[in-house]
Amino acid sequence: MKKSAKTRFLPGNMKMMHLLKSRKHADTCKPALQKRPSLFKQHNIKTVLGLDIGNNALKAVKIIKKNNEVTVVDFDIIEYPAALPNTKLLESHHIRDAIKIFLSKHTFSKKTDVVVSVPGQLALSRFSTIPLVSKKQLKSLVSFEAQQQIPFDLKDVVWDYHRLSGRTPNEEGIEIGFFASKRETLDSIINNISFPEFNLTGILSSPLAIYNLVLFDQHVEGPTIIVNREEENTDLIIIDHAHFWLRTIPLHEVNADFVKEIQRSMEYYKSLSKSTDTVHFEKLLFVGNKSNDPLLQKTIQDNFTYKVELLNTLNNIRISRTVDQALFSGNCASLSVALGLAIQGIGLGKTAINLLPKERILAAQIAKMKPYAVVALGCFALLIAIQYIGLRTHISKLNNARNYHQAMLQNVKNLENTYKNADKIFNEKKSELEFISSIDPARFFWIESTEKLLASIPDNVSINSLQSSWIDPDALNIGEGKAKKNQKDSIVKKCLLMGIRGESREPGIRYIEEHVLQPIKNLTLSGQKIAAFKNVELVPNSCRQVYSEAEATECISFEIRWLVKSQEEIIAESEKM
């Protein structure tokens, strides 16, 4: 009975129902599917999905690169039944079913760049040294060497090469790594992921993806051998600084043959150097689905004296807060290929190897250029329109040239009429200005006295009313008493009586006397040094305790009144000073 694709069982018999959570809130890196406010910001953000198609599981990691920061925002592992014996791995319908399940769990608002893996046993790796030549000759020499190294008709494969650096076995030559896979294998991969949500941008062998990840994220100081043990085979990746070497062995069971193949590969790599003393392996790093196997770790430790580590921590790649940190850490080694693919996709891989057929790369480039072509055509049409409008404008100027002088003459006449009207208005307003200037300067008294009076009142005292009236000094007994009569005509000059009513939130009358009454006594106007008011006093029996609705508290109401000194009184007092 065929088994349907299902979600992977994780360590501890915990079934992972849903590894990827849709991002609802922005992390330090915003979701790649969120609309950006400007085109410039979009260029600073790169989102890539790495898809590792294995023998019995689909592993996906989504990475966002924003500026110089790389963040894992999603990951998923979906298991499916292994391919039956004598059945090609990539032709299994379970792979496409697993991708459908993946798409049903995750939504994409636009096409996402995808880099997919080709298993190590389905890819070819060869290393060769060619003579030192110029850059112009290098391409043709590499093509010739590829025919010698790749044991297939080059029409039936897709191949690429990488110039190695860091350790050159032959200082008089250039070491080249050749990587290839059959077209039918790559076509199967492309057909499996041919969904409208995906924009396939690259295909990379699993060992190269691991090389990308380790060199980008792990601190590799000396020669290191990486063991990627899968269901049917094991990938060996030797990293010697920037130099590397790959080999896939058809063994997955941990036994004596397994150990011998690792030792044999290490000895062979040492033999590539002129001096075997120059290569000293320091570390063994486990990655892959079965890297947690205790038997594997014990066997390696018993047969090798090197430092043994498991890739379960990332150093240069952040994990988004929307991702289950513990779950990701427990599956970090299994996701190493998918991580390396995504690193390649965002442009941070140490190699530029791409086994995607050239015609598909060209088609993808043309598809990306279509919007720019539309913009270019639009700009061209706009240029034609601008030129047409320019010609029309020039013709219009020529047609209106004879009307220009007539318009100028009319403007002169209009300006003359405007001047006459302005002169007439000036003469009319002149009499009004003269009338205003004839008004007594005392008109400013009310403005200045009111402004200074209110400014002298404390914040915890509110003024409810301000009164003023002209009175006969004999009508009200204030302060020193009656005013003096003019001795010549016996006419009593009237006095200006002013007063305020207010409420104080301070509970004492003394506060009103010191902070309200006294400032009024000392108030000066018009730059004079003499107080402007006289006979300033609290109106008898005006102070009483009341409830203020505005302040919702008990207050003391009061009334203060005073007389305004005449100009003669102020002058007389000034002369006495």
Protein backbone atom coordinates (compact mmCIF):
# COMPACT_ATOMS: atom_id res chain seq x y z
CA MET A 1 0.00 0.00 0.00
CA LYS A 2 1.36 3.40 -0.92
CA LYS A 3 1.89 5.84 1.89
CA SER A 4 0.78 9.40 1.47
CA ALA A 5 3.14 12.25 2.23
CA LYS A 6 3.09 13.19 5.89
CA THR A 7 4.73 15.57 8.26
CA ARG A 8 8.08 14.43 9.64
CA PHE A 9 8.36 12.81 13.10
CA LEU A 10 10.97 14.67 15.13
CA PRO A 11 13.22 13.37 17.98
CA GLY A 12 11.27 12.38 21.06
CA ASN A 13 8.32 11.02 18.99
CA MET A 14 6.90 14.53 18.76
CA LYS A 15 4.99 14.96 15.57
CA MET A 16 5.66 18.24 13.89
CA MET A 17 2.26 19.28 12.54
CA HIS A 18 3.22 22.69 11.39
CA LEU A 19 6.78 23.98 11.44
CA LEU A 20 6.20 27.18 9.57
CA LYS A 21 4.17 30.00 11.14
CA SER A 22 2.93 32.86 9.04
CA ARG A 23 4.59 36.05 10.08
CA LYS A 24 2.04 38.47 11.50
CA HIS A 25 4.34 41.00 13.07
CA ALA A 26 7.60 42.47 11.82
CA ASP A 27 10.79 41.15 13.33
CA THR A 28 14.08 43.05 13.05
CA CYS A 29 13.80 42.01 9.42
CA LYS A 30 10.35 42.70 7.96
CA PRO A 31 8.55 39.96 6.06
CA ALA A 32 9.66 39.74 2.49
CA LEU A 33 6.05 39.52 1.34
CA GLN A 34 5.14 42.80 2.99
CA LYS A 35 4.87 45.76 0.63
CA ARG A 36 7.81 48.12 0.80
CA PRO A 37 7.39 51.88 0.86
CA SER A 38 9.99 52.45 -1.81
CA LEU A 39 11.77 50.64 -4.61
CA PHE A 40 15.12 51.50 -3.03
CA LYS A 41 14.29 49.51 0.11
CA GLN A 42 13.21 46.53 -1.98
CA HIS A 43 16.68 46.32 -3.49
CA ASN A 44 18.17 46.08 0.01
CA ILE A 45 16.00 43.06 0.88
CA LYS A 46 16.42 39.62 -0.69
CA THR A 47 14.20 36.62 0.10
CA VAL A 48 15.11 33.09 -1.02
CA LEU A 49 13.61 29.66 -0.34
CA GLY A 50 16.05 26.74 -0.20
CA LEU A 51 14.43 23.39 -1.12
CA ASP A 52 16.33 20.20 -0.31
CA ILE A 53 14.72 17.23 -2.08
CA GLY A 54 15.93 14.14 -0.25
CA ASN A 55 15.29 10.43 -0.51
CA ASN A 56 12.37 10.53 1.92
CA ALA A 57 11.82 14.15 2.97
CA LEU A 58 11.39 17.64 1.60
CA LYS A 59 13.24 20.24 3.69
CA ALA A 60 12.64 23.95 3.15
CA VAL A 61 14.26 27.01 4.71
CA LYS A 62 13.24 30.57 3.95
CA ILE A 63 15.90 33.22 4.49
CA ILE A 64 15.74 37.01 4.32
CA LYS A 65 18.79 39.16 3.73
CA LYS A 66 18.32 42.77 4.81
CA ASN A 67 21.41 44.93 4.40
CA ASN A 68 24.13 42.71 5.95
CA GLU A 69 21.86 40.69 8.23
CA VAL A 70 20.69 37.17 7.36
CA THR A 71 17.63 35.77 9.14
CA VAL A 72 15.76 32.46 8.98
CA VAL A 73 12.08 33.38 8.95
CA ASP A 74 10.48 29.99 8.11
CA PHE A 75 11.36 26.33 7.81
CA ASP A 76 9.50 23.10 7.19
CA ILE A 77 10.21 19.37 6.93
CA ILE A 78 7.71 17.14 5.12
CA GLU A 79 8.36 13.40 4.94
CA TYR A 80 7.22 11.05 2.20
CA PRO A 81 7.82 7.35 1.46
CA ALA A 82 11.22 6.47 0.07
CA ALA A 83 11.45 5.55 -3.60
CA LEU A 84 10.97 1.88 -4.34
CA PRO A 85 13.97 -0.20 -5.48
CA ASN A 86 14.79 0.19 -9.18
CA THR A 87 12.84 3.47 -9.18
CA LYS A 88 14.47 6.79 -9.95
CA LEU A 89 14.39 9.03 -6.90
CA LEU A 90 13.33 12.26 -8.58
CA GLU A 91 10.55 10.59 -10.59
CA SER A 92 8.61 9.65 -7.45
CA HIS A 93 5.17 11.27 -7.38
CA HIS A 94 5.53 11.61 -3.61
CA ILE A 95 7.93 14.51 -4.11
CA ARG A 96 5.39 16.57 -6.03
CA ASP A 97 2.70 15.61 -3.49
CA ALA A 98 4.97 16.84 -0.68
CA ILE A 99 5.48 20.15 -2.46
CA LYS A 100 1.70 20.50 -2.84
CA ILE A 101 1.36 19.95 0.91
CA PHE A 102 4.05 22.56 1.47
CA LEU A 103 2.21 25.08 -0.71
CA SER A 104 -1.09 24.35 1.03
CA LYS A 105 0.50 25.20 4.39
CA HIS A 106 2.19 28.39 3.24
CA THR A 107 0.86 31.28 1.20
CA PHE A 108 2.85 33.43 -1.22
CA SER A 109 1.65 36.84 -2.36
CA LYS A 110 4.16 36.85 -5.20
CA LYS A 111 6.70 34.57 -6.81
CA THR A 112 9.52 33.56 -4.48
CA ASP A 113 13.08 32.90 -5.66
CA VAL A 114 13.89 29.23 -5.11
CA VAL A 115 17.20 27.35 -5.13
CA VAL A 116 16.80 23.57 -5.18
CA SER A 117 19.26 20.75 -4.53
CA VAL A 118 20.30 17.80 -6.62
CA PRO A 119 21.44 14.85 -4.45
CA GLY A 120 25.16 14.22 -4.30
CA GLN A 121 24.85 10.77 -5.91
CA LEU A 122 23.14 12.36 -8.95
CA ALA A 123 25.81 15.03 -9.44
CA LEU A 124 29.37 14.72 -10.69
CA SER A 125 32.38 16.44 -9.09
CA ARG A 126 35.82 16.43 -10.69
CA PHE A 127 38.95 18.41 -9.88
CA SER A 128 41.72 19.12 -12.33
CA THR A 129 44.74 21.38 -12.73
CA ILE A 130 45.23 23.34 -15.94
CA PRO A 131 48.21 25.47 -17.02
CA LEU A 132 48.37 29.13 -16.15
CA VAL A 133 46.79 31.09 -19.01
CA SER A 134 45.32 34.54 -19.56
CA LYS A 135 41.69 35.26 -18.77
CA LYS A 136 40.83 35.29 -22.46
CA GLN A 137 42.22 31.77 -22.92
CA LEU A 138 40.86 30.40 -19.65
CA LYS A 139 37.28 29.87 -20.87
CA SER A 140 38.26 27.85 -23.93
CA LEU A 141 40.79 25.81 -21.94
CA VAL A 142 38.17 25.06 -19.25
CA SER A 143 35.70 23.92 -21.93
CA PHE A 144 38.32 21.59 -23.37
CA GLU A 145 39.17 20.21 -19.92
CA ALA A 146 35.46 19.67 -19.17
CA GLN A 147 35.25 17.30 -22.13
CA GLN A 148 38.11 15.30 -20.63
CA GLN A 149 36.78 15.24 -17.04
CA ILE A 150 33.04 14.69 -17.61
CA PRO A 151 32.40 11.12 -18.83
CA PHE A 152 29.26 12.05 -20.77
CA ASP A 153 28.40 13.92 -23.90
CA LEU A 154 28.31 17.56 -22.84
CA LYS A 155 25.02 17.97 -24.72
CA ASP A 156 23.43 15.53 -22.26
CA VAL A 157 24.61 17.33 -19.12
CA VAL A 158 24.56 20.76 -17.54
CA TRP A 159 27.94 21.66 -16.12
CA ASP A 160 29.66 24.55 -14.42
CA TYR A 161 33.09 25.17 -12.95
CA HIS A 162 34.74 26.94 -10.03
CA ARG A 163 38.29 28.20 -9.79
CA LEU A 164 39.73 27.01 -6.48
CA SER A 165 41.92 29.16 -4.29
CA GLY A 166 43.62 29.02 -0.91
CA ARG A 167 45.74 25.89 -1.53
CA THR A 168 47.04 25.06 -4.97
CA PRO A 169 48.58 21.57 -5.30
CA ASN A 170 50.58 22.72 -8.29
CA GLU A 171 51.82 26.29 -8.00
CA GLU A 172 52.41 26.35 -11.74
CA GLY A 173 48.76 25.68 -12.60
CA ILE A 174 45.17 26.62 -11.85
CA GLU A 175 42.97 24.12 -10.01
CA ILE A 176 39.45 23.91 -11.39
CA GLY A 177 36.45 22.12 -9.91
CA PHE A 178 33.94 20.75 -12.45
CA PHE A 179 30.34 20.04 -11.40
CA ALA A 180 27.72 18.46 -13.62
CA SER A 181 24.42 16.59 -13.67
CA LYS A 182 22.42 14.92 -16.41
CA ARG A 183 19.73 16.98 -18.12
CA GLU A 184 17.09 14.32 -17.51
CA THR A 185 17.82 14.51 -13.77
CA LEU A 186 17.55 18.29 -13.78
CA ASP A 187 14.36 18.16 -15.88
CA SER A 188 12.81 15.89 -13.24
CA ILE A 189 13.70 18.41 -10.53
CA ILE A 190 12.29 21.29 -12.57
CA ASN A 191 9.06 19.40 -13.27
CA ASN A 192 8.64 18.60 -9.58
CA ILE A 193 8.70 22.26 -8.56
CA SER A 194 6.98 23.79 -11.60
CA PHE A 195 4.41 25.74 -9.61
CA PRO A 196 3.37 29.35 -10.25
CA GLU A 197 4.40 30.32 -6.71
CA PHE A 198 8.04 29.42 -7.38
CA ASN A 199 10.64 31.31 -9.38
CA LEU A 200 13.44 28.78 -9.84
CA THR A 201 16.76 30.65 -9.95
CA GLY A 202 19.32 27.94 -9.24
CA ILE A 203 20.13 24.25 -8.84
CA LEU A 204 23.05 23.16 -6.68
CA SER A 205 24.41 19.81 -5.55
CA SER A 206 23.93 18.99 -1.86
CA PRO A 207 27.69 18.88 -1.02
CA LEU A 208 28.21 22.35 -2.51
CA ALA A 209 25.28 23.69 -0.50
CA ILE A 210 26.84 22.32 2.70
CA TYR A 211 30.17 23.90 1.71
CA ASN A 212 28.40 27.26 1.31
CA LEU A 213 26.79 27.02 4.74
CA VAL A 214 29.87 25.91 6.65
CA LEU A 215 32.15 28.51 5.10
CA PHE A 216 29.60 31.29 5.67
CA ASP A 217 28.45 30.41 9.17
CA GLN A 218 30.93 28.11 10.93
CA HIS A 219 34.38 29.02 12.20
CA VAL A 220 36.61 26.69 10.18
CA GLU A 221 40.23 27.42 11.03
CA GLY A 222 42.03 24.35 9.69
CA PRO A 223 41.44 21.38 7.38
CA THR A 224 38.04 19.95 8.26
CA ILE A 225 36.11 16.97 6.93
CA ILE A 226 32.32 17.19 6.87
CA VAL A 227 30.24 14.01 6.90
CA ASN A 228 26.72 14.28 5.47
CA ARG A 229 25.16 10.85 6.08
CA GLU A 230 21.87 10.38 4.24
CA GLU A 231 19.51 7.43 3.71
CA GLU A 232 21.33 5.83 0.77
CA ASN A 233 24.72 7.52 0.55
CA THR A 234 27.20 9.74 2.38
CA ASP A 235 28.71 13.01 1.17
CA LEU A 236 32.26 13.86 2.23
CA ILE A 237 33.27 17.51 1.99
CA ILE A 238 36.83 18.51 2.84
CA ILE A 239 37.34 22.21 3.53
CA ASP A 240 40.89 23.52 3.66
CA HIS A 241 40.47 27.27 4.13
CA ALA A 242 38.96 28.50 0.80
CA HIS A 243 39.97 25.27 -0.92
CA PHE A 244 37.58 22.30 -0.93
CA TRP A 245 37.17 18.77 -2.26
CA LEU A 246 34.01 16.66 -2.60
CA ARG A 247 33.23 12.96 -2.78
CA THR A 248 29.98 11.00 -2.52
CA ILE A 249 30.29 7.37 -1.39
CA PRO A 250 27.43 4.85 -1.82
CA LEU A 251 27.51 3.80 1.83
CA HIS A 252 25.17 4.73 4.65
CA GLU A 253 25.60 1.94 7.20
CA VAL A 254 28.17 2.60 9.91
CA ASN A 255 30.70 -0.23 9.72
CA ALA A 256 34.34 -0.90 8.97
CA ASP A 257 33.91 -0.13 5.26
CA PHE A 258 32.35 3.21 6.13
CA VAL A 259 35.36 4.15 8.28
CA LYS A 260 37.81 2.95 5.61
CA GLU A 261 36.19 5.12 2.94
CA ILE A 262 36.51 8.20 5.11
CA GLN A 263 40.16 7.40 5.86
CA ARG A 264 40.80 6.68 2.20
CA SER A 265 39.31 10.02 1.14
CA MET A 266 41.40 11.90 3.68
CA GLU A 267 44.59 10.18 2.57
CA TYR A 268 43.81 10.89 -1.06
CA TYR A 269 43.31 14.57 -0.33
CA LYS A 270 46.64 14.65 1.50
CA SER A 271 48.30 13.07 -1.52
CA LEU A 272 47.20 16.00 -3.68
CA SER A 273 49.66 18.19 -1.82
CA LYS A 274 53.36 18.04 -2.58
CA SER A 275 54.10 17.72 1.12
CA THR A 276 51.78 15.61 3.25
CA ASP A 277 52.93 17.60 6.27
CA THR A 278 51.01 20.63 5.00
CA VAL A 279 47.60 18.99 5.61
CA HIS A 280 46.64 18.26 9.21
CA PHE A 281 42.97 17.58 9.77
CA GLU A 282 41.64 19.15 12.93
CA LYS A 283 37.91 18.53 13.02
CA LEU A 284 35.11 16.24 11.85
CA LEU A 285 31.73 17.93 11.44
CA PHE A 286 28.47 15.93 11.20
CA VAL A 287 25.50 17.19 9.19
CA GLY A 288 22.50 15.51 7.60
CA ASN A 289 19.49 13.45 8.64
CA LYS A 290 21.44 10.80 10.56
CA SER A 291 24.07 12.99 12.17
CA ASN A 292 22.47 12.39 15.58
CA ASP A 293 23.05 8.63 15.34
CA PRO A 294 24.97 7.63 18.53
CA LEU A 295 26.60 4.72 16.67
CA LEU A 296 28.00 7.10 14.05
CA GLN A 297 29.46 9.42 16.67
CA LYS A 298 30.94 6.58 18.72
CA THR A 299 32.46 4.89 15.65
CA ILE A 300 34.08 8.11 14.48
CA GLN A 301 35.44 8.92 17.93
CA ASP A 302 36.86 5.40 18.28
CA ASN A 303 38.64 5.47 14.91
CA PHE A 304 39.73 9.11 14.63
CA THR A 305 41.59 11.40 16.98
CA TYR A 306 40.11 14.56 15.56
CA LYS A 307 37.68 16.88 17.27
CA VAL A 308 34.12 15.72 16.49
CA GLU A 309 31.25 18.24 16.34
CA LEU A 310 27.60 18.31 15.31
CA LEU A 311 26.25 21.28 13.39
CA ASN A 312 23.45 22.38 15.69
CA THR A 313 24.24 26.07 16.20
CA LEU A 314 24.36 28.94 13.73
CA ASN A 315 26.80 31.80 14.25
CA ASN A 316 26.19 34.30 11.45
CA ILE A 317 22.53 33.52 10.72
CA ARG A 318 19.81 34.85 12.99
CA ILE A 319 16.63 32.94 13.80
CA SER A 320 13.45 35.00 13.69
CA ARG A 321 11.36 35.18 16.85
CA THR A 322 8.44 33.77 14.86
CA VAL A 323 10.37 30.50 14.43
CA ASP A 324 10.35 27.81 17.12
CA GLN A 325 13.96 28.13 18.32
CA ALA A 326 14.19 24.73 20.03
CA LEU A 327 12.57 22.92 17.11
CA PHE A 328 14.91 24.57 14.63
CA SER A 329 17.98 23.83 16.74
CA GLY A 330 17.01 20.16 16.97
CA ASN A 331 16.79 19.94 13.17
CA CYS A 332 19.63 22.30 12.29
CA ALA A 333 21.92 19.52 11.03
CA SER A 334 19.12 18.07 8.85
CA LEU A 335 18.46 21.51 7.37
CA SER A 336 22.09 22.19 6.47
CA VAL A 337 21.57 21.60 2.73
CA ALA A 338 18.47 23.82 2.58
CA LEU A 339 20.33 26.54 4.50
CA GLY A 340 23.27 26.36 2.10
CA LEU A 341 20.94 26.60 -0.89
CA ALA A 342 19.32 29.74 0.52
CA ILE A 343 22.76 31.24 1.26
CA GLN A 344 23.65 30.69 -2.40
CA GLY A 345 20.37 32.30 -3.48
CA ILE A 346 20.91 35.54 -1.54
CA GLY A 347 24.36 35.90 -3.09
CA LEU A 348 26.52 35.00 -0.08
CA GLY A 349 27.74 31.61 -1.29
CA LYS A 350 31.45 31.10 -1.86
CA THR A 351 30.77 29.58 -5.26
CA ALA A 352 28.67 30.73 -8.18
CA ILE A 353 27.90 27.21 -9.39
CA ASN A 354 24.45 26.92 -10.99
CA LEU A 355 23.27 23.72 -12.70
CA LEU A 356 20.04 25.30 -13.90
CA PRO A 357 20.01 24.89 -17.71
CA LYS A 358 21.26 28.01 -19.46
CA GLU A 359 18.09 28.37 -21.53
CA ARG A 360 16.02 28.54 -18.35
CA ILE A 361 18.40 31.08 -16.83
CA LEU A 362 18.03 33.17 -19.98
CA ALA A 363 14.24 32.84 -19.87
CA ALA A 364 14.23 33.93 -16.22
CA GLN A 365 16.43 36.91 -17.04
CA ILE A 366 14.12 37.90 -19.89
CA ALA A 367 11.11 37.59 -17.58
CA LYS A 368 12.83 39.86 -15.07
CA MET A 369 13.67 42.32 -17.83
CA LYS A 370 10.08 42.56 -19.09
CA PRO A 371 9.05 45.22 -16.56
CA TYR A 372 12.15 47.22 -17.44
CA ALA A 373 11.34 46.85 -21.14
CA VAL A 374 7.84 48.16 -20.52
CA VAL A 375 9.31 51.08 -18.60
CA ALA A 376 11.79 51.74 -21.42
CA LEU A 377 8.99 51.75 -24.00
CA GLY A 378 7.00 54.05 -21.77
CA CYS A 379 9.95 56.41 -21.48
CA PHE A 380 10.41 56.36 -25.26
CA ALA A 381 6.73 57.16 -25.78
CA LEU A 382 7.00 59.92 -23.20
CA LEU A 383 10.02 61.34 -25.02
CA ILE A 384 8.08 61.42 -28.31
CA ALA A 385 5.16 63.08 -26.55
CA ILE A 386 7.45 65.68 -24.99
CA GLN A 387 8.99 66.46 -28.38
CA TYR A 388 5.54 66.76 -29.94
CA ILE A 389 4.38 69.06 -27.17
CA GLY A 390 7.55 71.11 -27.58
CA LEU A 391 6.90 71.59 -31.30
CA ARG A 392 3.30 72.54 -30.63
CA THR A 393 4.44 75.03 -28.02
CA HIS A 394 6.98 76.57 -30.41
CA ILE A 395 4.36 76.93 -33.14
CA SER A 396 1.98 78.48 -30.65
CA LYS A 397 4.63 81.02 -29.64
CA LEU A 398 5.18 81.98 -33.28
CA ASN A 399 1.45 82.39 -33.84
CA ASN A 400 1.12 84.57 -30.74
CA ALA A 401 4.17 86.76 -31.47
CA ARG A 402 2.15 89.50 -33.21
CA ASN A 403 -0.25 89.61 -30.26
CA TYR A 404 2.55 90.01 -27.75
CA HIS A 405 3.17 93.74 -28.34
CA GLN A 406 -0.54 94.50 -28.26
CA ALA A 407 -0.78 92.70 -24.94
CA MET A 408 2.17 94.73 -23.61
CA LEU A 409 0.49 98.01 -24.60
CA GLN A 410 -2.72 96.90 -22.93
CA ASN A 411 -0.76 96.03 -19.79
CA VAL A 412 0.73 99.54 -19.72
CA LYS A 413 -2.74 101.05 -19.93
CA ASN A 414 -3.97 98.77 -17.17
CA LEU A 415 -1.03 99.75 -14.96
CA GLU A 416 -1.79 103.42 -15.56
CA ASN A 417 -5.41 102.92 -14.49
CA THR A 418 -4.27 100.92 -11.46
CA TYR A 419 -1.94 103.76 -10.44
CA LYS A 420 -4.71 106.32 -10.69
CA ASN A 421 -7.04 104.18 -8.59
CA ALA A 422 -4.32 103.66 -5.96
CA ASP A 423 -3.66 107.40 -5.80
CA LYS A 424 -7.37 108.07 -5.32
CA ILE A 425 -7.62 105.49 -2.53
CA PHE A 426 -4.52 106.98 -0.85
CA ASN A 427 -6.06 110.45 -0.79
CA GLU A 428 -9.25 109.02 0.70
CA LYS A 429 -7.41 107.09 3.40
CA LYS A 430 -5.08 109.99 4.17
CA SER A 431 -7.82 111.94 5.94
CA GLU A 432 -8.74 108.87 7.97
CA LEU A 433 -5.12 108.40 9.04
CA GLU A 434 -4.87 112.04 10.05
CA PHE A 435 -8.03 111.65 12.16
CA ILE A 436 -6.65 108.57 13.89
CA SER A 437 -3.34 110.27 14.63
CA SER A 438 -5.21 113.21 16.19
CA ILE A 439 -6.75 111.00 18.87
CA ASP A 440 -5.33 111.61 22.40
CA PRO A 441 -2.42 109.28 23.30
CA ALA A 442 -4.40 108.25 26.35
CA ARG A 443 -6.21 105.80 24.10
CA PHE A 444 -3.46 103.30 24.89
CA PHE A 445 -4.21 103.53 28.63
CA TRP A 446 -6.91 100.85 28.60
CA ILE A 447 -4.86 98.36 26.64
CA GLU A 448 -1.75 98.76 28.79
CA SER A 449 -3.54 98.97 32.15
CA THR A 450 -5.69 95.89 31.47
CA GLU A 451 -2.73 93.87 30.22
CA LYS A 452 -0.45 94.72 33.17
CA LEU A 453 -3.26 94.34 35.69
CA LEU A 454 -4.09 90.81 34.57
CA ALA A 455 -0.38 89.91 34.39
CA SER A 456 0.07 90.86 38.07
CA ILE A 457 -2.66 88.49 39.28
CA PRO A 458 -1.31 85.12 40.67
CA ASP A 459 -2.32 81.84 39.02
CA ASN A 460 -4.39 80.71 42.00
CA VAL A 461 -6.53 83.86 41.86
CA SER A 462 -9.28 84.18 39.26
CA ILE A 463 -10.76 87.52 38.11
CA ASN A 464 -14.50 87.39 37.51
CA SER A 465 -15.06 91.00 36.40
CA LEU A 466 -13.28 94.30 35.72
CA GLN A 467 -15.31 97.55 36.13
CA SER A 468 -14.59 101.20 35.47
CA SER A 469 -16.62 104.42 35.66
CA TRP A 470 -16.18 108.17 35.83
CA ILE A 471 -17.40 109.46 39.19
CA ASP A 472 -17.59 112.58 41.23
CA PRO A 473 -14.96 112.22 43.97
CA ASP A 474 -17.55 113.36 46.54
CA ALA A 475 -19.91 110.55 45.53
CA LEU A 476 -17.75 107.86 47.16
CA ASN A 477 -15.61 108.08 50.27
CA ILE A 478 -12.36 106.34 49.23
CA GLY A 479 -9.00 106.64 50.90
CA GLU A 480 -7.99 110.24 51.62
CA GLY A 481 -11.40 111.69 50.80
CA LYS A 482 -12.67 114.38 48.51
CA ALA A 483 -10.96 115.75 45.47
CA LYS A 484 -9.85 119.35 45.23
CA LYS A 485 -11.84 121.91 43.25
CA ASN A 486 -10.35 124.20 40.65
CA GLN A 487 -9.93 127.54 42.41
CA LYS A 488 -10.63 129.61 39.30
CA ASP A 489 -13.90 128.13 38.04
CA SER A 490 -14.88 125.97 41.05
CA ILE A 491 -15.31 122.94 38.72
CA VAL A 492 -14.73 119.54 40.28
CA LYS A 493 -12.84 117.22 37.89
CA LYS A 494 -14.23 113.72 37.72
CA CYS A 495 -12.08 110.73 38.64
CA LEU A 496 -11.80 107.32 36.95
CA LEU A 497 -12.84 104.59 39.37
CA MET A 498 -11.72 101.03 38.57
CA GLY A 499 -12.32 97.80 40.38
CA ILE A 500 -12.05 94.03 40.11
CA ARG A 501 -13.98 91.13 41.59
CA GLY A 502 -12.38 87.78 41.99
CA GLU A 503 -11.86 84.58 43.93
CA SER A 504 -8.75 83.28 45.67
CA ARG A 505 -8.07 79.62 46.31
CA GLU A 506 -5.75 80.60 49.18
CA PRO A 507 -7.70 80.57 52.48
CA GLY A 508 -6.39 83.90 53.93
CA ILE A 509 -7.21 87.57 53.33
CA ARG A 510 -3.56 88.37 53.96
CA TYR A 511 -2.62 86.50 50.81
CA ILE A 512 -5.03 88.71 48.82
CA GLU A 513 -3.54 91.85 50.37
CA GLU A 514 0.05 90.80 49.63
CA HIS A 515 -0.32 89.20 46.21
CA VAL A 516 -3.24 91.08 44.65
CA LEU A 517 -3.80 94.43 46.36
CA GLN A 518 -0.12 95.35 46.81
CA PRO A 519 0.89 94.68 43.13
CA ILE A 520 -2.01 96.91 42.02
CA LYS A 521 -0.73 99.69 44.29
CA ASN A 522 2.74 99.46 42.71
CA LEU A 523 1.55 99.20 39.09
CA THR A 524 3.14 101.75 36.71
CA LEU A 525 2.11 102.67 33.16
CA SER A 526 3.64 104.31 30.08
CA GLY A 527 7.19 103.82 31.33
CA GLN A 528 6.59 106.06 34.38
CA LYS A 529 8.27 105.40 37.73
CA ILE A 530 5.22 106.67 39.66
CA ALA A 531 2.37 104.28 40.53
CA ALA A 532 -0.60 104.85 38.23
CA PHE A 533 -3.29 104.14 40.85
CA LYS A 534 -4.18 105.62 44.23
CA ASN A 535 -6.45 104.80 47.13
CA VAL A 536 -6.24 101.08 46.37
CA GLU A 537 -8.31 99.18 48.93
CA LEU A 538 -10.40 96.10 49.60
CA VAL A 539 -14.09 97.01 49.51
CA PRO A 540 -15.37 96.65 53.08
CA ASN A 541 -17.31 93.44 53.78
CA SER A 542 -16.48 92.09 50.29
CA CYS A 543 -14.32 89.21 51.49
CA ARG A 544 -16.31 86.09 52.24
CA GLN A 545 -15.94 82.36 51.80
CA VAL A 546 -17.79 80.88 48.81
CA TYR A 547 -17.89 77.61 46.86
CA SER A 548 -16.43 77.86 43.37
CA GLU A 549 -18.23 75.62 40.88
CA ALA A 550 -15.49 76.14 38.29
CA GLU A 551 -12.75 74.97 40.68
CA ALA A 552 -15.04 72.66 42.72
CA THR A 553 -13.51 73.92 45.95
CA GLU A 554 -13.89 76.50 48.71
CA CYS A 555 -12.58 79.99 47.79
CA ILE A 556 -12.51 83.54 49.22
CA SER A 557 -14.31 86.10 47.07
CA PHE A 558 -13.12 89.70 47.19
CA GLU A 559 -13.50 93.11 45.56
CA ILE A 560 -10.75 95.71 45.17
CA ARG A 561 -11.27 99.27 43.95
CA TRP A 562 -9.03 102.23 43.26
CA LEU A 563 -8.79 105.62 41.60
CA VAL A 564 -6.65 106.34 38.56
CA LYS A 565 -4.23 109.22 39.06
CA SER A 566 -4.54 112.16 36.70
CA GLN A 567 -1.67 113.20 34.45
CA GLU A 568 -1.12 116.30 36.60
CA GLU A 569 -0.80 114.17 39.75
CA ILE A 570 1.77 111.87 38.12
CA ILE A 571 3.83 114.86 36.88
CA ALA A 572 3.70 116.52 40.32
CA GLU A 573 4.85 113.34 42.08
CA SER A 574 7.62 112.83 39.51
CA GLU A 575 8.98 116.34 40.20
CA LYS A 576 9.12 115.62 43.94
CA MET A 577 11.31 112.53 43.40
